[in-house]
C-alpha atoms as a PDB file:
ATOM      1  CA  MET A   1       7.218 -11.956   3.067  1.00  0.00           C
ATOM      2  CA  LYS A   2       4.503 -12.009   5.721  1.00  0.00           C
ATOM      3  CA  LYS A   3       5.081 -15.687   6.490  1.00  0.00           C
ATOM      4  CA  GLN A   4       3.094 -15.417   9.721  1.00  0.00           C
ATOM      5  CA  THR A   5      -0.150 -14.580   7.920  1.00  0.00           C
ATOM      6  CA  HIS A   6       0.428 -17.490   5.564  1.00  0.00           C
ATOM      7  CA  THR A   7       0.911 -19.828   8.550  1.00  0.00           C
ATOM      8  CA  TYR A   8      -2.287 -18.655  10.247  1.00  0.00           C
ATOM      9  CA  SER A   9      -4.344 -19.147   7.073  1.00  0.00           C
ATOM     10  CA  PHE A  10      -2.951 -22.606   6.406  1.00  0.00           C
ATOM     11  CA  MET A  11      -3.624 -23.654  10.012  1.00  0.00           C
ATOM     12  CA  GLN A  12      -7.252 -22.499   9.669  1.00  0.00           C
ATOM     13  CA  LYS A  13      -7.668 -24.555   6.515  1.00  0.00           C
ATOM     14  CA  ASN A  14      -5.991 -27.588   8.079  1.00  0.00           C
ATOM     15  CA  ALA A  15      -8.226 -27.432  11.187  1.00  0.00           C
ATOM     16  CA  ALA A  16     -11.375 -27.188   9.069  1.00  0.00           C
ATOM     17  CA  ASP A  17     -10.322 -30.123   6.894  1.00  0.00           C
ATOM     18  CA  LYS A  18      -9.859 -32.260  10.017  1.00  0.00           C
ATOM     19  CA  GLY A  19     -13.476 -31.724  11.021  1.00  0.00           C
ATOM     20  CA  TYR A  20     -13.216 -29.098  13.736  1.00  0.00           C
ATOM     21  CA  GLN A  21     -16.493 -27.254  14.208  1.00  0.00           C
ATOM     22  CA  GLY A  22     -14.880 -23.849  14.538  1.00  0.00           C
ATOM     23  CA  VAL A  23     -11.569 -22.009  14.380  1.00  0.00           C
ATOM     24  CA  VAL A  24     -10.452 -19.190  16.702  1.00  0.00           C
ATOM     25  CA  ILE A  25      -7.639 -16.940  15.513  1.00  0.00           C
ATOM     26  CA  THR A  26      -5.713 -15.302  18.353  1.00  0.00           C
ATOM     27  CA  ALA A  27      -4.105 -12.357  16.607  1.00  0.00           C
ATOM     28  CA  ASP A  28      -4.630  -8.586  16.708  1.00  0.00           C
ATOM     29  CA  ASP A  29      -3.545  -8.217  13.123  1.00  0.00           C
ATOM     30  CA  THR A  30      -5.460  -6.496  10.336  1.00  0.00           C
ATOM     31  CA  ASP A  31      -3.716  -8.633   7.707  1.00  0.00           C
ATOM     32  CA  ILE A  32      -5.136 -11.807   9.274  1.00  0.00           C
ATOM     33  CA  LEU A  33      -8.650 -10.358   9.351  1.00  0.00           C
ATOM     34  CA  VAL A  34      -8.459  -9.214   5.728  1.00  0.00           C
ATOM     35  CA  ILE A  35      -7.216 -12.611   4.526  1.00  0.00           C
ATOM     36  CA  ALA A  36      -9.962 -14.416   6.460  1.00  0.00           C
ATOM     37  CA  LEU A  37     -12.583 -12.129   4.898  1.00  0.00           C
ATOM     38  CA  GLY A  38     -11.007 -12.297   1.457  1.00  0.00           C
ATOM     39  CA  LEU A  39     -11.056 -16.087   1.155  1.00  0.00           C
ATOM     40  CA  PRO A  40     -14.775 -16.881   1.614  1.00  0.00           C
ATOM     41  CA  GLY A  41     -15.885 -20.452   1.065  1.00  0.00           C
ATOM     42  CA  HIS A  42     -12.370 -21.905   1.223  1.00  0.00           C
ATOM     43  CA  ILE A  43     -12.584 -22.754   4.922  1.00  0.00           C
ATOM     44  CA  GLU A  44     -15.740 -24.728   5.660  1.00  0.00           C
ATOM     45  CA  CYS A  45     -16.277 -23.962   9.336  1.00  0.00           C
ATOM     46  CA  PRO A  46     -17.046 -20.861  11.430  1.00  0.00           C
ATOM     47  CA  ILE A  47     -14.040 -18.597  12.001  1.00  0.00           C
ATOM     48  CA  TYR A  48     -13.607 -16.184  14.902  1.00  0.00           C
ATOM     49  CA  GLN A  49     -10.827 -13.722  15.644  1.00  0.00           C
ATOM     50  CA  LYS A  50      -9.938 -13.117  19.279  1.00  0.00           C
ATOM     51  CA  THR A  51      -9.054  -9.473  19.846  1.00  0.00           C
ATOM     52  CA  GLY A  52      -8.579  -7.094  22.753  1.00  0.00           C
ATOM     53  CA  THR A  53      -6.371  -7.155  25.840  1.00  0.00           C
ATOM     54  CA  ARG A  54      -5.597  -9.923  28.298  1.00  0.00           C
ATOM     55  CA  ALA A  55      -8.075  -8.495  30.780  1.00  0.00           C
ATOM     56  CA  ARG A  56     -10.786  -7.761  28.258  1.00  0.00           C
ATOM     57  CA  HIS A  57     -11.204  -9.505  24.949  1.00  0.00           C
ATOM     58  CA  GLN A  58     -13.890 -10.258  22.401  1.00  0.00           C
ATOM     59  CA  PHE A  59     -14.510 -12.720  19.596  1.00  0.00           C
ATOM     60  CA  LEU A  60     -15.183 -11.323  16.141  1.00  0.00           C
ATOM     61  CA  ASP A  61     -17.410 -13.506  13.973  1.00  0.00           C
ATOM     62  CA  ILE A  62     -15.681 -13.464  10.570  1.00  0.00           C
ATOM     63  CA  SER A  63     -18.694 -14.998   8.814  1.00  0.00           C
ATOM     64  CA  GLN A  64     -20.995 -12.305  10.184  1.00  0.00           C
ATOM     65  CA  VAL A  65     -18.666  -9.504   9.083  1.00  0.00           C
ATOM     66  CA  ALA A  66     -18.379 -11.083   5.626  1.00  0.00           C
ATOM     67  CA  ALA A  67     -22.161 -11.255   5.322  1.00  0.00           C
ATOM     68  CA  GLN A  68     -22.451  -7.560   6.222  1.00  0.00           C
ATOM     69  CA  HIS A  69     -20.056  -6.461   3.489  1.00  0.00           C
ATOM     70  CA  GLY A  70     -21.079  -8.947   0.813  1.00  0.00           C
ATOM     71  CA  GLN A  71     -19.084 -11.484  -1.173  1.00  0.00           C
ATOM     72  CA  ASP A  72     -17.926  -9.094  -3.919  1.00  0.00           C
ATOM     73  CA  VAL A  73     -16.556  -6.550  -1.451  1.00  0.00           C
ATOM     74  CA  CYS A  74     -14.847  -9.208   0.680  1.00  0.00           C
ATOM     75  CA  ALA A  75     -13.214 -10.778  -2.376  1.00  0.00           C
ATOM     76  CA  SER A  76     -11.594  -7.422  -3.147  1.00  0.00           C
ATOM     77  CA  LEU A  77     -10.382  -6.600   0.381  1.00  0.00           C
ATOM     78  CA  ILE A  78      -7.037  -8.383   0.020  1.00  0.00           C
ATOM     79  CA  GLY A  79      -6.114  -6.266  -2.992  1.00  0.00           C
ATOM     80  CA  LEU A  80      -7.418  -3.052  -1.440  1.00  0.00           C
ATOM     81  CA  HIS A  81      -5.554  -3.594   1.835  1.00  0.00           C
ATOM     82  CA  ALA A  82      -2.263  -4.303   0.055  1.00  0.00           C
ATOM     83  CA  PHE A  83      -2.648  -1.284  -2.248  1.00  0.00           C
ATOM     84  CA  THR A  84      -3.646   1.248   0.424  1.00  0.00           C
ATOM     85  CA  GLY A  85      -0.871   0.208   2.795  1.00  0.00           C
ATOM     86  CA  CYS A  86       0.134  -2.708   4.998  1.00  0.00           C
ATOM     87  CA  ASP A  87       3.254  -3.894   6.827  1.00  0.00           C
ATOM     88  CA  SER A  88       5.175  -4.522   3.609  1.00  0.00           C
ATOM     89  CA  VAL A  89       3.677  -1.910   1.261  1.00  0.00           C
ATOM     90  CA  SER A  90       3.716   1.821   2.035  1.00  0.00           C
ATOM     91  CA  SER A  91       0.520   3.835   2.367  1.00  0.00           C
ATOM     92  CA  PHE A  92      -0.397   7.123   0.710  1.00  0.00           C
ATOM     93  CA  ALA A  93       0.560  10.081   2.913  1.00  0.00           C
ATOM     94  CA  GLY A  94      -2.438  11.560   4.664  1.00  0.00           C
ATOM     95  CA  LYS A  95      -4.833   9.028   3.115  1.00  0.00           C
ATOM     96  CA  GLY A  96      -6.267   6.350   5.330  1.00  0.00           C
ATOM     97  CA  LYS A  97      -8.527   3.457   4.429  1.00  0.00           C
ATOM     98  CA  VAL A  98     -11.961   4.950   5.016  1.00  0.00           C
ATOM     99  CA  LYS A  99     -12.368   6.770   1.691  1.00  0.00           C
ATOM    100  CA  PRO A 100     -10.848   3.913  -0.372  1.00  0.00           C
ATOM    101  CA  LEU A 101     -13.235   1.469   1.315  1.00  0.00           C
ATOM    102  CA  LYS A 102     -16.203   3.756   0.605  1.00  0.00           C
ATOM    103  CA  LEU A 103     -15.187   3.994  -3.053  1.00  0.00           C
ATOM    104  CA  LEU A 104     -14.784   0.233  -3.207  1.00  0.00           C
ATOM    105  CA  LYS A 105     -18.244  -0.431  -1.784  1.00  0.00           C
ATOM    106  CA  LYS A 106     -19.849   2.197  -4.033  1.00  0.00           C
ATOM    107  CA  PHE A 107     -18.373   1.200  -7.400  1.00  0.00           C
ATOM    108  CA  PRO A 108     -18.503  -2.424  -8.653  1.00  0.00           C
ATOM    109  CA  ASP A 109     -15.698  -1.637 -11.130  1.00  0.00           C
ATOM    110  CA  HIS A 110     -13.340  -1.053  -8.215  1.00  0.00           C
ATOM    111  CA  GLN A 111     -14.458  -4.311  -6.634  1.00  0.00           C
ATOM    112  CA  ARG A 112     -13.594  -6.204  -9.817  1.00  0.00           C
ATOM    113  CA  CYS A 113     -10.270  -4.365 -10.050  1.00  0.00           C
ATOM    114  CA  PHE A 114      -9.079  -5.218  -6.555  1.00  0.00           C
ATOM    115  CA  SER A 115     -10.403  -8.774  -6.696  1.00  0.00           C
ATOM    116  CA  GLN A 116      -8.026  -9.245  -9.666  1.00  0.00           C
ATOM    117  CA  LEU A 117      -5.036  -7.709  -7.905  1.00  0.00           C
ATOM    118  CA  GLY A 118      -2.726 -10.552  -6.897  1.00  0.00           C
ATOM    119  CA  GLN A 119      -4.512 -13.257  -8.873  1.00  0.00           C
ATOM    120  CA  LEU A 120      -1.445 -13.347 -11.115  1.00  0.00           C
ATOM    121  CA  TRP A 121       2.164 -12.727 -10.153  1.00  0.00           C
ATOM    122  CA  THR A 122       2.441 -10.178 -12.965  1.00  0.00           C
ATOM    123  CA  LEU A 123       0.618  -6.842 -13.155  1.00  0.00           C
ATOM    124  CA  SER A 124      -1.122  -6.193 -16.474  1.00  0.00           C
ATOM    125  CA  ASP A 125      -1.234  -2.735 -18.053  1.00  0.00           C
ATOM    126  CA  ASP A 126      -5.025  -2.748 -17.974  1.00  0.00           C
ATOM    127  CA  LEU A 127      -5.125  -3.512 -14.248  1.00  0.00           C
ATOM    128  CA  PHE A 128      -2.577  -0.785 -13.539  1.00  0.00           C
ATOM    129  CA  HIS A 129      -4.663   1.782 -15.441  1.00  0.00           C
ATOM    130  CA  GLN A 130      -7.647   0.835 -13.247  1.00  0.00           C
ATOM    131  CA  LEU A 131      -5.509   1.295 -10.129  1.00  0.00           C
ATOM    132  CA  GLU A 132      -4.329   4.641 -11.470  1.00  0.00           C
ATOM    133  CA  SER A 133      -7.928   5.791 -11.960  1.00  0.00           C
ATOM    134  CA  PHE A 134      -8.822   4.633  -8.444  1.00  0.00           C
ATOM    135  CA  THR A 135      -5.896   6.567  -6.943  1.00  0.00           C
ATOM    136  CA  CYS A 136      -7.081   9.735  -8.686  1.00  0.00           C
ATOM    137  CA  GLN A 137     -10.500   9.310  -7.067  1.00  0.00           C
ATOM    138  CA  VAL A 138      -8.866   8.911  -3.654  1.00  0.00           C
ATOM    139  CA  TYR A 139      -7.109  12.279  -4.001  1.00  0.00           C
ATOM    140  CA  LEU A 140      -9.713  14.284  -5.932  1.00  0.00           C
ATOM    141  CA  PRO A 141     -13.288  15.258  -5.012  1.00  0.00           C
ATOM    142  CA  GLN A 142     -16.068  13.170  -6.532  1.00  0.00           C
ATOM    143  CA  SER A 143     -16.971  15.951  -8.972  1.00  0.00           C
ATOM    144  CA  ALA A 144     -13.552  15.778 -10.652  1.00  0.00           C
ATOM    145  CA  ASP A 145     -13.176  13.586 -13.732  1.00  0.00           C
ATOM    146  CA  CYS A 146      -9.570  12.462 -14.019  1.00  0.00           C
ATOM    147  CA  ALA A 147      -8.003   9.054 -14.577  1.00  0.00           C
ATOM    148  CA  ASP A 148      -4.417  10.174 -15.238  1.00  0.00           C
ATOM    149  CA  ILE A 149      -2.304  10.325 -12.083  1.00  0.00           C
ATOM    150  CA  ASN A 150       0.154  12.875 -13.487  1.00  0.00           C
ATOM    151  CA  GLU A 151      -2.731  15.113 -14.506  1.00  0.00           C
ATOM    152  CA  CYS A 152      -4.190  14.602 -11.039  1.00  0.00           C
ATOM    153  CA  ARG A 153      -0.943  15.864  -9.496  1.00  0.00           C
ATOM    154  CA  TYR A 154      -1.066  18.925 -11.751  1.00  0.00           C
ATOM    155  CA  LEU A 155      -4.692  19.722 -10.895  1.00  0.00           C
ATOM    156  CA  ILE A 156      -4.051  19.522  -7.157  1.00  0.00           C
ATOM    157  CA  PHE A 157      -0.872  21.600  -7.476  1.00  0.00           C
ATOM    158  CA  CYS A 158      -2.707  24.321  -9.415  1.00  0.00           C
ATOM    159  CA  SER A 159      -5.677  24.312  -7.030  1.00  0.00           C
ATOM    160  CA  LYS A 160      -3.280  25.268  -4.213  1.00  0.00           C
ATOM    161  CA  ASN A 161      -1.429  27.857  -6.346  1.00  0.00           C
ATOM    162  CA  GLY A 162       1.717  25.821  -5.901  1.00  0.00           C
ATOM    163  CA  GLU A 163       1.675  26.309  -2.129  1.00  0.00           C
ATOM    164  CA  ILE A 164       1.481  22.653  -1.220  1.00  0.00           C
ATOM    165  CA  ASP A 165       3.830  20.179   0.386  1.00  0.00           C
ATOM    166  CA  SER A 166       5.010  17.350  -1.846  1.00  0.00           C
ATOM    167  CA  SER A 167       3.605  14.785   0.608  1.00  0.00           C
ATOM    168  CA  GLN A 168       0.106  16.090  -0.127  1.00  0.00           C
ATOM    169  CA  LEU A 169       0.405  15.223  -3.809  1.00  0.00           C
ATOM    170  CA  PRO A 170      -0.269  11.741  -5.176  1.00  0.00           C
ATOM    171  CA  PRO A 171       2.767   9.829  -6.484  1.00  0.00           C
ATOM    172  CA  CYS A 172       3.767  10.253 -10.104  1.00  0.00           C
ATOM    173  CA  ARG A 173       2.965   7.456 -12.538  1.00  0.00           C
ATOM    174  CA  ASP A 174       6.448   5.943 -12.319  1.00  0.00           C
ATOM    175  CA  SER A 175       6.339   5.800  -8.515  1.00  0.00           C
ATOM    176  CA  LEU A 176       2.720   4.587  -8.506  1.00  0.00           C
ATOM    177  CA  TYR A 177       3.614   1.752 -10.868  1.00  0.00           C
ATOM    178  CA  GLN A 178       6.350   0.508  -8.539  1.00  0.00           C
ATOM    179  CA  HIS A 179       3.882   0.784  -5.659  1.00  0.00           C
ATOM    180  CA  ALA A 180       1.309  -1.233  -7.615  1.00  0.00           C
ATOM    181  CA  LEU A 181       3.909  -3.921  -8.330  1.00  0.00           C
ATOM    182  CA  ARG A 182       4.608  -4.290  -4.608  1.00  0.00           C
ATOM    183  CA  ALA A 183       0.906  -4.406  -3.775  1.00  0.00           C
ATOM    184  CA  ASN A 184       0.267  -7.031  -6.451  1.00  0.00           C
ATOM    185  CA  HIS A 185       3.134  -9.192  -5.193  1.00  0.00           C
ATOM    186  CA  GLN A 186       1.938  -8.997  -1.574  1.00  0.00           C
ATOM    187  CA  ALA A 187      -1.690  -9.641  -2.565  1.00  0.00           C
ATOM    188  CA  ALA A 188      -0.585 -12.646  -4.617  1.00  0.00           C
ATOM    189  CA  ILE A 189       1.085 -14.136  -1.551  1.00  0.00           C
ATOM    190  CA  TRP A 190      -2.042 -13.595   0.534  1.00  0.00           C
ATOM    191  CA  HIS A 191      -4.293 -15.112  -2.125  1.00  0.00           C
ATOM    192  CA  ARG A 192      -2.145 -18.242  -1.974  1.00  0.00           C
ATOM    193  CA  SER A 193      -1.910 -18.364   1.812  1.00  0.00           C
ATOM    194  CA  LEU A 194      -3.856 -21.649   1.956  1.00  0.00           C
ATOM    195  CA  GLU A 195      -1.106 -23.440   0.018  1.00  0.00           C
ATOM    196  CA  ALA A 196       1.232 -25.504   2.182  1.00  0.00           C
ATOM    197  CA  ASN A 197       4.273 -24.895  -0.024  1.00  0.00           C
ATOM    198  CA  MET A 198       3.944 -21.618  -1.828  1.00  0.00           C
ATOM    199  CA  ASN A 199       6.294 -21.060  -4.747  1.00  0.00           C
ATOM    200  CA  SER A 200       6.478 -17.274  -4.917  1.00  0.00           C
ATOM    201  CA  PRO A 201       8.775 -15.548  -7.419  1.00  0.00           C
ATOM    202  CA  ASP A 202      11.696 -13.349  -6.467  1.00  0.00           C
ATOM    203  CA  PRO A 203      10.493  -9.912  -5.282  1.00  0.00           C
ATOM    204  CA  SER A 204      13.230  -8.274  -7.334  1.00  0.00           C
ATOM    205  CA  GLY A 205      11.614  -6.397 -10.201  1.00  0.00           C
ATOM    206  CA  ASN A 206       8.281  -6.261  -8.387  1.00  0.00           C
ATOM    207  CA  GLY A 207       8.831  -2.916  -6.724  1.00  0.00           C
ATOM    208  CA  TRP A 208      11.842  -4.160  -4.769  1.00  0.00           C
ATOM    209  CA  THR A 209      15.517  -4.801  -5.454  1.00  0.00           C
ATOM    210  CA  VAL A 210      17.379  -7.732  -3.889  1.00  0.00           C
ATOM    211  CA  LYS A 211      20.896  -6.557  -3.008  1.00  0.00           C
ATOM    212  CA  SER A 212      24.065  -8.637  -2.985  1.00  0.00           C
ATOM    213  CA  ASP A 213      23.751  -9.304   0.765  1.00  0.00           C
ATOM    214  CA  ASN A 214      20.195 -10.662   0.168  1.00  0.00           C
ATOM    215  CA  SER A 215      18.604  -7.646   1.820  1.00  0.00           C
ATOM    216  CA  ILE A 216      15.586  -6.149   0.067  1.00  0.00           C
ATOM    217  CA  GLU A 217      15.425  -2.485  -0.886  1.00  0.00           C
ATOM    218  CA  ILE A 218      12.341  -0.652  -2.116  1.00  0.00           C
ATOM    219  CA  THR A 219      12.440   0.651  -5.676  1.00  0.00           C
ATOM    220  CA  TRP A 220      10.646   3.966  -5.327  1.00  0.00           C
ATOM    221  CA  MET A 221      10.960   4.961  -8.972  1.00  0.00           C
ATOM    222  CA  THR A 222      12.980   4.134 -12.066  1.00  0.00           C
ATOM    223  CA  GLY A 223      13.135   7.551 -13.730  1.00  0.00           C
ATOM    224  CA  LEU A 224      13.784  11.157 -12.767  1.00  0.00           C
ATOM    225  CA  PRO A 225      11.274  12.783 -10.387  1.00  0.00           C
ATOM    226  CA  ALA A 226      11.053  15.762 -12.777  1.00  0.00           C
ATOM    227  CA  PRO A 227      12.514  16.951 -16.112  1.00  0.00           C
ATOM    228  CA  GLU A 228      16.193  17.868 -15.890  1.00  0.00           C
ATOM    229  CA  SER A 229      15.423  21.504 -16.712  1.00  0.00           C
ATOM    230  CA  VAL A 230      13.214  21.663 -13.623  1.00  0.00           C
ATOM    231  CA  LEU A 231      15.621  19.771 -11.381  1.00  0.00           C
ATOM    232  CA  GLU A 232      18.342  22.331 -12.097  1.00  0.00           C
ATOM    233  CA  LEU A 233      16.142  25.063 -10.612  1.00  0.00           C
ATOM    234  CA  LEU A 234      15.325  23.283  -7.367  1.00  0.00           C
ATOM    235  CA  ARG A 235      17.211  24.221  -4.246  1.00  0.00           C
ATOM    236  CA  CYS A 236      16.766  24.004  -0.474  1.00  0.00           C
ATOM    237  CA  ASP A 237      17.361  26.642   2.192  1.00  0.00           C
ATOM    238  CA  CYS A 238      18.601  24.339   4.956  1.00  0.00           C
ATOM    239  CA  ARG A 239      21.127  25.942   7.316  1.00  0.00           C
ATOM    240  CA  LYS A 240      22.398  23.109   9.520  1.00  0.00           C
ATOM    241  CA  SER A 241      21.421  19.755   8.006  1.00  0.00           C
ATOM    242  CA  CYS A 242      19.412  18.371   5.139  1.00  0.00           C
ATOM    243  CA  ILE A 243      17.050  15.798   6.565  1.00  0.00           C
ATOM    244  CA  ALA A 244      13.358  15.004   6.230  1.00  0.00           C
ATOM    245  CA  PRO A 245      10.895  16.543   6.624  1.00  0.00           C
ATOM    246  CA  ASN A 246      12.504  20.002   6.585  1.00  0.00           C
ATOM    247  CA  CYS A 247      14.655  19.647   3.469  1.00  0.00           C
ATOM    248  CA  SER A 248      12.728  20.160   0.212  1.00  0.00           C
ATOM    249  CA  CYS A 249      15.403  18.291  -1.761  1.00  0.00           C
ATOM    250  CA  VAL A 250      15.149  15.219   0.448  1.00  0.00           C
ATOM    251  CA  MET A 251      11.352  15.269   0.346  1.00  0.00           C
ATOM    252  CA  SER A 252      11.463  15.483  -3.454  1.00  0.00           C
ATOM    253  CA  GLY A 253      13.866  12.546  -3.750  1.00  0.00           C
ATOM    254  CA  LEU A 254      16.748  14.722  -4.966  1.00  0.00           C
ATOM    255  CA  ARG A 255      20.391  15.207  -4.027  1.00  0.00           C
ATOM    256  CA  CYS A 256      21.468  18.632  -2.808  1.00  0.00           C
ATOM    257  CA  THR A 257      23.519  20.620  -5.312  1.00  0.00           C
ATOM    258  CA  GLN A 258      25.799  23.674  -5.336  1.00  0.00           C
ATOM    259  CA  MET A 259      22.671  25.820  -5.716  1.00  0.00           C
ATOM    260  CA  CYS A 260      21.517  24.854  -2.230  1.00  0.00           C
ATOM    261  CA  LYS A 261      22.347  27.012   0.754  1.00  0.00           C
ATOM    262  CA  LEU A 262      24.141  24.066   2.393  1.00  0.00           C
ATOM    263  CA  PRO A 263      25.654  22.157  -0.563  1.00  0.00           C
ATOM    264  CA  LEU A 264      27.931  19.895   1.494  1.00  0.00           C
ATOM    265  CA  CYS A 265      25.534  17.888   3.623  1.00  0.00           C
ATOM    266  CA  GLU A 266      24.264  14.371   4.316  1.00  0.00           C
ATOM    267  CA  ASN A 267      22.217  14.495   1.127  1.00  0.00           C
ATOM    268  CA  SER A 268      24.918  15.697  -1.259  1.00  0.00           C
ATOM    269  CA  CYS A 269      27.355  12.777  -1.142  1.00  0.00           C
ATOM    270  CA  GLU A 270      26.770   9.969  -3.622  1.00  0.00           C
ATOM    271  CA  ASP A 271      28.038   7.347  -1.210  1.00  0.00           C
ATOM    272  CA  VAL A 272      25.426   8.269   1.399  1.00  0.00           C
ATOM    273  CA  GLU A 273      22.479   5.919   1.389  1.00  0.00           C
ATOM    274  CA  GLU A 274      19.444   7.572  -0.164  1.00  0.00           C
ATOM    275  CA  PRO A 275      16.795   8.244   2.465  1.00  0.00           C
ATOM    276  CA  HIS A 276      13.542   6.348   2.268  1.00  0.00           C
ATOM    277  CA  LEU A 277      11.325   9.257   1.395  1.00  0.00           C
ATOM    278  CA  HIS A 278       8.095   7.367   1.042  1.00  0.00           C
ATOM    279  CA  ASN A 279       8.087   5.493   4.340  1.00  0.00           C
ATOM    280  CA  ILE A 280       4.842   7.263   4.996  1.00  0.00           C
ATOM    281  CA  GLU A 281       2.426   6.825   7.833  1.00  0.00           C
ATOM    282  CA  GLU A 282      -1.244   7.705   7.772  1.00  0.00           C
ATOM    283  CA  GLU A 283      -1.911  11.177   9.116  1.00  0.00           C
ATOM    284  CA  ASP A 284      -5.667  10.926   9.517  1.00  0.00           C
ATOM    285  CA  SER A 285      -6.070  10.095  13.185  1.00  0.00           C
ATOM    286  CA  ASP A 286      -9.830   9.719  12.723  1.00  0.00           C
ATOM    287  CA  GLU A 287      -9.508   6.966  10.139  1.00  0.00           C
ATOM    288  CA  GLU A 288      -9.272   3.472  11.543  1.00  0.00           C
ATOM    289  CA  ASP A 289      -7.219   0.789   9.856  1.00  0.00           C
ATOM    290  CA  HIS A 290      -9.860  -1.912   9.790  1.00  0.00           C
ATOM    291  CA  VAL A 291     -12.970  -2.900   7.884  1.00  0.00           C
ATOM    292  CA  ASN A 292     -15.486  -3.412  10.678  1.00  0.00           C
END
């Protein structure tokens, strides 16, 4: 996964080892910038990233940007970028990267947490609990004291008197754990991007499932999205078709039942492929997806 970023990083390292006085990366890719910032000291020559258009471009001094943010922050950027959303790991709906980056720079505990993400191919329980606490801070105001993601969902739901779209709630613990597994796997690949022959484990069981045709499918969750007694009471009022984002059943990760107004639909047949409900894009247009 993300072989291109691995190739760029290895080429940088190879050029520096051969005595070149500087390396210019020609790529408008946030992943490349994050990896370059997150591996300080491993490439012993100045690194620049060429960005912009063909008619107008600029050279970003990676060393200067790293000095502005500090070594501890830069060392944690790979983990933060993977966890908050990248090409291979989904983002949190309506949550960009500005607030997570502010939290990271403000709290050294978060810096240590994300610097550890991806150091090992496996995700420890302790590291996941730290990620869970961080996610609560992303969704809640600073005055709130909550480190349990399920409790966080409940608090937000009650604060809106139940009148809130499911996309505005943080993921449940089961879904967040699968998300954290994917982020850890991707971060682990990036941390090892200077290795010529990386031996990465199978993504199956790390938030993905490898199917019989070798395609990879995201594992959104392993349990029920709600207790069975609650699921029996849920219904949608769709009249023509049950598709996202209008169908409440689809948006909740549920199949339509006989209780729904349109029981026979695209979402009621077991042989219909389950829609990817969490293929979420950032909704904050004022939040930029970079760390300048």
